[in-house]
Protein backbone atom coordinates (compact mmCIF):
# COMPACT_ATOMS: atom_id res chain seq x y z
CA MET A 1 -53.90 68.13 5.80
CA ASP A 2 -56.20 65.63 2.89
CA ARG A 3 -53.27 67.92 0.17
CA ARG A 4 -50.44 67.03 2.16
CA ARG A 5 -51.23 63.92 2.46
CA VAL A 6 -51.65 62.63 -1.40
CA CYS A 7 -48.54 64.67 -2.22
CA VAL A 8 -46.69 62.30 0.45
CA LEU A 9 -48.67 59.77 -1.59
CA MET A 10 -47.80 60.58 -4.71
CA VAL A 11 -43.60 60.35 -3.87
CA LEU A 12 -43.81 57.03 -1.89
CA TRP A 13 -45.36 55.98 -5.02
CA VAL A 14 -43.17 57.17 -7.91
CA MET A 15 -40.27 56.78 -5.85
CA ALA A 16 -41.23 53.58 -5.12
CA HIS A 17 -41.87 52.60 -8.87
CA LEU A 18 -38.22 54.41 -10.23
CA SER A 19 -36.94 51.45 -7.59
CA SER A 20 -38.55 48.06 -8.61
CA PRO A 21 -37.08 45.63 -11.40
CA GLY A 22 -39.29 46.63 -13.63
CA HIS A 23 -38.17 50.01 -14.11
CA GLY A 24 -36.13 50.41 -17.66
CA LEU A 25 -35.19 47.65 -20.09
CA ARG A 26 -33.28 45.86 -18.58
CA ALA A 27 -30.31 44.11 -20.66
CA LEU A 28 -28.98 40.52 -21.34
CA ARG A 29 -26.48 38.84 -19.49
CA ARG A 30 -23.90 36.45 -19.13
CA THR A 31 -24.91 32.91 -16.59
CA THR A 32 -21.63 33.13 -15.56
CA GLY A 33 -21.09 34.35 -12.07
CA GLY A 34 -24.69 36.26 -12.65
CA HIS A 35 -22.76 39.74 -12.85
CA LYS A 36 -24.81 42.49 -14.11
CA GLY A 37 -23.84 44.17 -17.10
CA ALA A 38 -24.67 46.91 -19.09
CA ALA A 39 -27.72 48.29 -20.12
CA GLY A 40 -27.40 46.91 -23.79
CA LEU A 41 -29.70 44.43 -25.59
CA THR A 42 -32.42 42.77 -23.92
CA GLY A 43 -34.63 39.37 -24.35
CA GLN A 44 -38.00 37.73 -24.36
CA ASP A 45 -38.90 34.10 -24.92
CA ALA A 46 -41.60 32.46 -28.09
CA ASN A 47 -44.12 33.17 -25.33
CA GLY A 48 -43.54 37.14 -25.64
CA VAL A 49 -42.75 36.83 -21.60
CA PRO A 50 -38.97 39.00 -20.52
CA LEU A 51 -35.97 37.20 -20.11
CA ARG A 52 -35.45 37.21 -15.93
CA ARG A 53 -32.93 36.72 -13.23
CA SER A 54 -33.38 33.53 -11.58
CA LYS A 55 -31.66 32.98 -8.43
CA ARG A 56 -28.76 30.48 -9.57
CA GLY A 57 -28.04 33.61 -11.78
CA TRP A 58 -28.60 35.81 -15.15
CA MET A 59 -30.83 33.84 -17.47
CA TRP A 60 -31.01 35.96 -20.20
CA ASN A 61 -29.07 34.59 -22.50
CA GLN A 62 -30.99 31.38 -22.33
CA PHE A 63 -34.20 30.44 -25.46
CA PHE A 64 -35.10 26.58 -25.91
CA LEU A 65 -36.78 25.36 -29.31
CA LEU A 66 -38.79 22.19 -28.85
CA GLU A 67 -37.08 19.39 -31.02
CA GLU A 68 -38.76 17.43 -34.14
CA TYR A 69 -41.20 20.38 -34.75
CA THR A 70 -43.68 19.47 -37.65
CA GLY A 71 -44.86 22.95 -38.49
CA SER A 72 -44.92 24.07 -41.62
CA ASP A 73 -44.09 27.96 -40.77
CA MET A 74 -40.46 28.66 -39.65
CA GLN A 75 -40.53 27.90 -35.67
CA TYR A 76 -40.63 31.28 -33.74
CA VAL A 77 -36.91 31.42 -31.23
CA GLY A 78 -37.48 34.28 -29.25
CA LYS A 79 -37.02 38.71 -29.39
CA LEU A 80 -34.32 40.87 -29.48
CA HIS A 81 -33.86 44.19 -28.13
CA SER A 82 -31.85 46.90 -28.20
CA ASP A 83 -32.04 50.39 -25.50
CA SER A 84 -30.57 51.93 -28.92
CA ASP A 85 -33.47 51.13 -31.10
CA ARG A 86 -35.69 54.17 -31.24
CA GLY A 87 -38.42 51.71 -33.62
CA ASP A 88 -36.90 54.65 -36.73
CA GLY A 89 -35.40 51.01 -38.87
CA ASN A 90 -32.83 52.82 -37.94
CA THR A 91 -30.97 49.86 -36.52
CA ARG A 92 -29.94 46.53 -37.57
CA TYR A 93 -29.01 43.61 -35.92
CA VAL A 94 -27.42 41.18 -36.76
CA LEU A 95 -26.96 37.85 -35.58
CA THR A 96 -23.77 35.03 -35.84
CA GLY A 97 -22.04 31.77 -34.20
CA GLU A 98 -23.27 28.46 -34.67
CA GLY A 99 -26.34 27.94 -37.22
CA ALA A 100 -26.67 31.43 -38.16
CA GLY A 101 -27.80 32.00 -41.90
CA SER A 102 -28.38 28.15 -41.81
CA LEU A 103 -30.43 26.62 -39.08
CA PHE A 104 -31.16 29.91 -37.29
CA ARG A 105 -32.66 33.77 -38.69
CA ILE A 106 -32.70 36.54 -37.57
CA ASP A 107 -35.49 39.83 -38.66
CA GLU A 108 -32.46 42.04 -38.81
CA LYS A 109 -35.40 44.55 -38.27
CA SER A 110 -37.28 43.31 -35.30
CA GLY A 111 -35.10 41.49 -33.57
CA ASP A 112 -37.44 38.15 -33.82
CA ILE A 113 -35.34 34.33 -34.30
CA HIS A 114 -37.11 31.73 -36.31
CA ALA A 115 -35.63 28.36 -36.80
CA THR A 116 -35.44 27.49 -40.09
CA LYS A 117 -34.99 23.26 -39.50
CA ARG A 118 -36.49 20.40 -37.72
CA LEU A 119 -33.44 20.35 -35.32
CA ASP A 120 -32.47 16.64 -33.60
CA ARG A 121 -31.24 17.53 -29.80
CA GLU A 122 -29.94 13.76 -29.33
CA GLU A 123 -27.82 15.19 -33.05
CA LYS A 124 -27.09 18.50 -31.16
CA ALA A 125 -28.42 19.49 -26.97
CA TYR A 126 -28.01 22.94 -27.40
CA TYR A 127 -26.00 25.36 -29.77
CA ILE A 128 -23.96 29.55 -28.61
CA LEU A 129 -24.63 32.54 -30.73
CA ARG A 130 -23.73 35.67 -30.29
CA ALA A 131 -25.87 38.86 -31.96
CA LYS A 132 -25.43 42.83 -31.62
CA ALA A 133 -26.81 45.74 -33.20
CA VAL A 134 -25.22 48.40 -35.30
CA ASN A 135 -26.60 51.82 -36.63
CA ARG A 136 -27.70 50.80 -40.29
CA PHE A 137 -26.48 53.12 -42.01
CA THR A 138 -23.14 53.73 -40.60
CA ASN A 139 -22.54 50.31 -39.61
CA GLU A 140 -21.48 51.69 -36.15
CA ALA A 141 -22.23 49.42 -32.93
CA LEU A 142 -25.22 50.29 -30.52
CA GLU A 143 -24.53 47.68 -28.51
CA GLY A 144 -21.69 45.38 -27.37
CA GLU A 145 -21.94 41.78 -28.85
CA SER A 146 -24.17 39.58 -26.47
CA GLU A 147 -23.16 35.34 -26.18
CA PHE A 148 -26.80 32.96 -25.08
CA ILE A 149 -27.77 30.08 -25.90
CA ILE A 150 -29.81 28.35 -28.18
CA LYS A 151 -31.45 25.16 -25.86
CA ILE A 152 -33.35 22.29 -27.92
CA HIS A 153 -35.86 20.83 -25.20
CA ASP A 154 -36.84 17.22 -25.51
CA ILE A 155 -39.50 15.71 -27.04
CA ASN A 156 -39.95 11.39 -26.41
CA ASP A 157 -39.31 10.52 -29.88
CA ASN A 158 -36.52 7.56 -28.75
CA GLU A 159 -37.65 3.53 -27.37
CA PRO A 160 -35.74 2.76 -25.10
CA ARG A 161 -32.77 -0.41 -26.62
CA PHE A 162 -31.72 -3.05 -24.91
CA THR A 163 -27.85 -2.97 -25.25
CA LYS A 164 -27.82 -6.78 -25.68
CA ASP A 165 -30.64 -9.05 -28.26
CA PRO A 166 -30.87 -11.59 -27.67
CA TYR A 167 -29.62 -12.03 -23.88
CA MET A 168 -28.47 -15.72 -22.66
CA ALA A 169 -27.85 -17.06 -19.24
CA ARG A 170 -27.72 -20.28 -17.05
CA VAL A 171 -29.25 -21.04 -13.07
CA PRO A 172 -29.03 -23.83 -11.43
CA GLU A 173 -31.81 -25.88 -11.74
CA MET A 174 -34.33 -26.36 -8.36
CA SER A 175 -32.65 -23.25 -7.52
CA ASP A 176 -34.81 -20.79 -4.99
CA ILE A 177 -37.69 -18.31 -5.32
CA GLY A 178 -35.25 -15.40 -5.77
CA THR A 179 -32.25 -16.18 -6.94
CA SER A 180 -30.53 -14.25 -9.44
CA VAL A 181 -30.46 -15.03 -13.36
CA ILE A 182 -29.31 -12.00 -15.43
CA GLN A 183 -29.80 -8.47 -15.61
CA VAL A 184 -30.82 -6.97 -19.00
CA THR A 185 -30.22 -3.01 -19.26
CA ALA A 186 -32.26 -0.67 -21.71
CA ALA A 187 -30.71 3.18 -22.59
CA ASP A 188 -32.81 5.68 -24.36
CA ALA A 189 -31.32 8.10 -26.33
CA ASP A 190 -34.20 11.47 -24.97
CA ASP A 191 -32.57 13.96 -22.55
CA ALA A 192 -32.68 12.22 -18.96
CA THR A 193 -32.25 15.70 -17.04
CA TYR A 194 -36.54 16.83 -18.79
CA GLY A 195 -39.33 14.54 -17.75
CA ASN A 196 -39.67 11.97 -17.79
CA SER A 197 -39.16 10.47 -21.80
CA ALA A 198 -35.97 8.75 -20.37
CA ARG A 199 -36.98 6.57 -18.03
CA VAL A 200 -37.43 2.97 -18.22
CA VAL A 201 -39.60 0.63 -16.91
CA TYR A 202 -38.80 -2.83 -17.25
CA SER A 203 -41.71 -5.79 -17.35
CA ILE A 204 -41.66 -9.14 -18.44
CA LEU A 205 -43.82 -10.50 -21.51
CA GLU A 206 -42.86 -13.72 -21.76
CA GLY A 207 -41.12 -16.40 -19.15
CA GLN A 208 -44.58 -16.06 -16.60
CA PRO A 209 -44.86 -17.43 -14.14
CA TYR A 210 -41.10 -18.54 -13.82
CA PHE A 211 -38.85 -15.38 -13.90
CA SER A 212 -39.53 -12.42 -12.66
CA VAL A 213 -37.87 -8.69 -13.83
CA ASP A 214 -37.14 -5.54 -10.79
CA PRO A 215 -38.85 -2.81 -12.38
CA GLU A 216 -36.50 -0.56 -11.72
CA THR A 217 -32.69 -2.66 -12.05
CA GLY A 218 -33.69 -4.99 -14.99
CA LEU A 219 -32.62 -8.26 -12.27
CA ILE A 220 -33.59 -11.10 -13.60
CA LYS A 221 -35.05 -13.84 -11.02
CA THR A 222 -36.19 -17.24 -10.95
CA ALA A 223 -39.77 -16.87 -9.08
CA LEU A 224 -41.02 -20.95 -9.79
CA PRO A 225 -39.91 -23.16 -6.92
CA GLY A 226 -38.14 -26.59 -7.36
CA MET A 227 -37.71 -25.74 -11.73
CA ASP A 228 -35.64 -29.76 -12.77
CA ARG A 229 -33.86 -28.98 -15.50
CA GLU A 230 -34.72 -33.08 -16.12
CA VAL A 231 -38.63 -31.99 -16.95
CA LYS A 232 -37.56 -28.94 -19.43
CA GLU A 233 -34.58 -27.22 -19.47
CA ASN A 234 -34.47 -24.33 -22.28
CA TYR A 235 -37.02 -21.37 -21.51
CA GLN A 236 -37.42 -18.49 -23.87
CA VAL A 237 -37.93 -15.17 -21.38
CA VAL A 238 -39.46 -11.49 -23.35
CA ILE A 239 -38.41 -7.77 -21.46
CA GLN A 240 -39.79 -5.55 -22.28
CA ALA A 241 -38.50 -2.02 -21.75
CA LYS A 242 -41.27 1.24 -22.05
CA ASP A 243 -40.26 4.90 -21.14
CA MET A 244 -42.36 7.13 -19.52
CA ALA A 245 -42.08 5.53 -16.56
CA GLY A 246 -43.51 2.87 -18.26
CA GLN A 247 -47.39 5.31 -18.21
CA MET A 248 -49.66 5.06 -20.81
CA GLY A 249 -48.38 6.28 -24.58
CA GLY A 250 -44.42 5.85 -23.88
CA LEU A 251 -42.72 4.23 -26.34
CA SER A 252 -41.27 0.22 -25.66
CA GLY A 253 -38.31 -1.89 -26.37
CA THR A 254 -37.56 -5.59 -25.89
CA THR A 255 -35.32 -8.11 -25.66
CA THR A 256 -35.58 -11.94 -25.56
CA VAL A 257 -33.70 -13.97 -23.03
CA SER A 258 -32.34 -17.09 -23.97
CA ILE A 259 -31.79 -18.47 -20.00
CA THR A 260 -31.11 -22.42 -19.57
CA LEU A 261 -31.40 -24.84 -16.22
CA ALA A 262 -28.22 -25.89 -15.41
CA ASP A 263 -27.63 -29.22 -14.30
CA VAL A 264 -26.66 -30.32 -10.93
CA ASN A 265 -25.95 -33.83 -9.36
CA ASP A 266 -29.60 -34.04 -7.77
CA ASN A 267 -30.52 -37.30 -10.08
CA PRO A 268 -29.14 -41.59 -9.14
CA PRO A 269 -27.51 -43.41 -11.12
CA ARG A 270 -30.36 -47.05 -11.09
CA PHE A 271 -30.16 -50.03 -13.02
CA ALA A 272 -31.93 -51.41 -15.65
CA LYS A 273 -32.05 -54.49 -14.05
CA THR A 274 -31.97 -55.76 -9.92
CA VAL A 275 -30.76 -59.46 -11.18
CA TYR A 276 -27.98 -60.17 -13.78
CA GLU A 277 -27.12 -63.54 -14.32
CA PHE A 278 -23.63 -64.33 -16.47
CA ARG A 279 -21.64 -68.21 -17.48
CA VAL A 280 -17.66 -68.12 -17.40
CA PRO A 281 -15.93 -70.76 -19.49
CA GLU A 282 -13.45 -72.74 -15.96
CA SER A 283 -11.23 -72.40 -19.28
CA SER A 284 -11.18 -68.42 -19.55
CA ASP A 285 -7.62 -66.60 -19.04
CA ILE A 286 -7.69 -64.46 -15.69
CA GLY A 287 -8.47 -60.57 -17.33
CA SER A 288 -11.25 -62.27 -19.36
CA ALA A 289 -14.41 -59.65 -19.74
CA VAL A 290 -17.26 -62.00 -17.88
CA GLY A 291 -20.46 -59.39 -18.52
CA VAL A 292 -21.09 -56.21 -19.18
CA ILE A 293 -24.10 -54.37 -17.22
CA ARG A 294 -25.59 -50.29 -17.61
CA ALA A 295 -26.57 -48.47 -14.89
CA MET A 296 -28.39 -45.22 -16.12
CA ASP A 297 -28.20 -41.31 -14.42
CA ASN A 298 -31.26 -38.25 -15.72
CA ASP A 299 -27.73 -35.90 -14.93
CA ILE A 300 -25.27 -35.09 -17.41
CA GLY A 301 -21.87 -34.34 -17.70
CA GLU A 302 -19.40 -34.80 -15.01
CA ASN A 303 -22.95 -35.38 -12.84
CA ALA A 304 -23.56 -38.57 -15.45
CA GLU A 305 -20.31 -40.85 -14.97
CA MET A 306 -19.98 -43.54 -13.59
CA GLU A 307 -17.81 -45.34 -11.25
CA TYR A 308 -18.67 -48.87 -10.35
CA ARG A 309 -17.75 -50.88 -7.85
CA ILE A 310 -18.41 -54.78 -6.65
CA ILE A 311 -19.57 -54.46 -2.70
CA GLY A 312 -20.37 -57.75 -1.37
CA SER A 313 -20.06 -61.06 -3.50
CA ASP A 314 -20.35 -64.97 -2.54
CA GLY A 315 -17.28 -65.91 -4.25
CA PRO A 316 -14.52 -62.94 -2.77
CA GLY A 317 -11.16 -61.61 -5.11
CA MET A 318 -12.99 -63.97 -7.93
CA PHE A 319 -14.38 -61.15 -10.01
CA ASP A 320 -13.45 -57.29 -10.01
CA VAL A 321 -15.24 -54.51 -12.26
CA THR A 322 -13.79 -51.32 -14.39
CA THR A 323 -15.67 -48.86 -15.87
CA ASN A 324 -16.04 -47.66 -19.49
CA ARG A 325 -15.27 -44.18 -19.84
CA SER A 326 -16.84 -44.16 -23.33
CA THR A 327 -19.76 -46.29 -22.49
CA GLN A 328 -20.79 -45.48 -18.78
CA GLU A 329 -20.85 -49.11 -18.73
CA GLY A 330 -19.27 -51.57 -15.72
CA VAL A 331 -16.96 -54.71 -17.35
CA ILE A 332 -17.01 -57.85 -14.85
CA LEU A 333 -13.40 -59.24 -15.27
CA LEU A 334 -12.22 -63.05 -13.90
CA ARG A 335 -10.16 -62.03 -11.44
CA LYS A 336 -8.02 -65.59 -10.76
């Protein structure tokens, strides 16, 4: 009875082992559509881990390489292996495609692939290559040609760069807190889909407490009420953009934003005197100038343009006033 049970268990174990995904050699397969190809070349990454199928499809053909490698030796990419390779030296591995022989070199005996130069992901993000196994002596193909990709993994080697430096902006004086001024934008050439190398956070280095910046959008807003152009007209604001989501060790760039407070008509004209005295000879001609008055306005532009009128007089209709546009003075004229 015990012997029969042992036999049954042995058969079950063998059947389970033969049906498991690890039995036999896995073939390199394309990622398009996830269809299983014929057994042939297999792949291992730089850590010696066999490339397996994922839920998104067959991922046999993707190797990953870190950009800007600084080691003295050639950087190891991965290994290709043929089911037909029995280790007797009869198999030769051949590599063709983008960078084959110049950027990437394969050991024709072992199938090991190395990168011969430092690679920059910002110049080229991936390389498409093809590999095949042939008989060393007859050059007869042992496996069909297989295509695979070497993707360059990003490192944080690019600082954020602003689209302008400096920025110029205007905002009305006396604006409410939170009034939008201008939006600044910084771009990072690192891979936005991999880690936080290209995730930029904005902060204000100079310009507080007058202005603030949204850390996510780069929108600059007023942060202090009652900013009066007549007191201070121009502000220099320095904005920093830092990658790695603003964490320690992230790279940063800065830009300057020159902000001018635009004038609003918030100051009334004021005369230098409350009483003006003029003498008019009785022989003066009608229309002749009697005297000049001047009011000052702290506003600028059209907000400081004057218009004079006589609103009361003990000699009705005796005098008139007109505005000299070039000097903004009021000229009193004899009317009668």
